[in-house]
Protein backbone atom coordinates (compact mmCIF):
# COMPACT_ATOMS: atom_id res chain seq x y z
CA MET A 1 3.18 13.35 4.13
CA ILE A 2 3.46 10.11 2.17
CA GLU A 3 2.12 9.34 -1.28
CA ILE A 4 0.45 5.98 -1.89
CA HIS A 5 -0.11 4.40 -5.32
CA TYR A 6 -2.26 1.40 -6.24
CA PHE A 7 -1.55 -0.54 -9.44
CA ALA A 8 -3.28 -2.98 -11.79
CA SER A 9 -5.97 -5.21 -10.24
CA ILE A 10 -5.47 -3.64 -6.81
CA ARG A 11 -6.32 -0.23 -8.27
CA GLU A 12 -9.41 -1.73 -9.92
CA ARG A 13 -10.61 -3.53 -6.78
CA LEU A 14 -10.15 -0.44 -4.58
CA ALA A 15 -11.41 2.03 -7.21
CA CYS A 16 -8.49 4.29 -6.29
CA ASP A 17 -5.20 4.94 -8.04
CA ARG A 18 -3.48 7.17 -5.46
CA GLU A 19 -3.89 9.07 -2.22
CA THR A 20 -1.81 10.83 0.40
CA LEU A 21 -1.58 10.67 4.17
CA ASP A 22 -0.57 13.75 6.14
CA THR A 23 1.77 11.81 8.42
CA ALA A 24 3.76 8.66 7.81
CA PRO A 25 2.94 5.65 9.98
CA PRO A 26 6.08 3.97 11.39
CA THR A 27 5.86 0.84 9.18
CA VAL A 28 4.11 -0.49 6.09
CA ALA A 29 1.98 -2.71 8.37
CA ALA A 30 0.84 0.37 10.31
CA LEU A 31 0.05 2.05 6.98
CA VAL A 32 -2.14 -0.88 5.97
CA ASP A 33 -3.92 -0.66 9.34
CA ALA A 34 -4.53 3.08 8.81
CA LEU A 35 -5.85 2.53 5.28
CA VAL A 36 -8.19 -0.25 6.42
CA GLU A 37 -9.47 1.95 9.23
CA ARG A 38 -9.99 4.83 6.81
CA HIS A 39 -11.65 2.87 3.98
CA GLY A 40 -13.22 -0.30 5.41
CA GLU A 41 -13.71 -3.97 4.72
CA THR A 42 -12.93 -4.14 1.01
CA TRP A 43 -9.57 -2.53 1.67
CA GLN A 44 -8.89 -5.08 4.39
CA ARG A 45 -9.56 -7.98 2.01
CA VAL A 46 -7.37 -6.49 -0.71
CA LEU A 47 -4.42 -5.09 1.25
CA ARG A 48 -4.17 -7.93 3.75
CA ASP A 49 -4.10 -10.55 1.02
CA GLY A 50 -0.76 -12.28 1.56
CA ARG A 51 0.05 -12.04 -2.16
CA VAL A 52 0.02 -8.22 -2.37
CA LEU A 53 3.45 -6.76 -3.02
CA VAL A 54 4.63 -3.40 -1.71
CA ALA A 55 7.40 -1.04 -2.69
CA VAL A 56 8.77 1.91 -0.74
CA ASN A 57 10.51 4.52 -2.85
CA GLN A 58 10.49 2.10 -5.80
CA GLU A 59 12.23 -0.72 -3.91
CA VAL A 60 10.46 -3.93 -2.93
CA ALA A 61 9.64 -3.81 0.77
CA SER A 62 7.96 -5.87 3.48
CA LEU A 63 5.24 -5.11 6.00
CA GLN A 64 7.98 -4.51 8.57
CA SER A 65 9.72 -1.86 6.43
CA ALA A 66 10.02 1.54 8.08
CA LEU A 67 8.34 4.61 6.62
CA ARG A 68 9.42 8.25 6.82
CA GLU A 69 7.89 11.55 5.81
CA GLY A 70 8.13 12.04 2.05
CA ASP A 71 8.15 8.32 1.20
CA GLU A 72 6.27 6.94 -1.77
CA VAL A 73 4.53 3.59 -1.22
CA ALA A 74 3.08 1.41 -3.97
CA PHE A 75 0.85 -1.64 -3.69
CA PHE A 76 0.68 -4.06 -6.62
CA PRO A 77 -0.37 -7.63 -7.37
CA PRO A 78 2.09 -10.47 -7.89
CA VAL A 79 3.85 -10.21 -11.23
CA THR A 80 4.28 -13.16 -13.54
CA GLY A 81 6.53 -13.29 -16.52
CA GLY A 82 7.12 -15.39 -19.51
């Protein structure tokens, strides 16, 4: 099982703050594909936006990053600072 968290504007746009999947897809890209298949078009627009950031186990990751059972994945918008 993997736990997935959605933060800030992504959480608002998807109307979801967290969910779990029973099995871990092999990569973050495969996870995005599974989430789009599960939830539909809005999720495709949000999660496939090239600006969305992802972390696996609280470390910044890429779409090619591998996933394993027990991982925690977070999606969040770009962060700006001042």
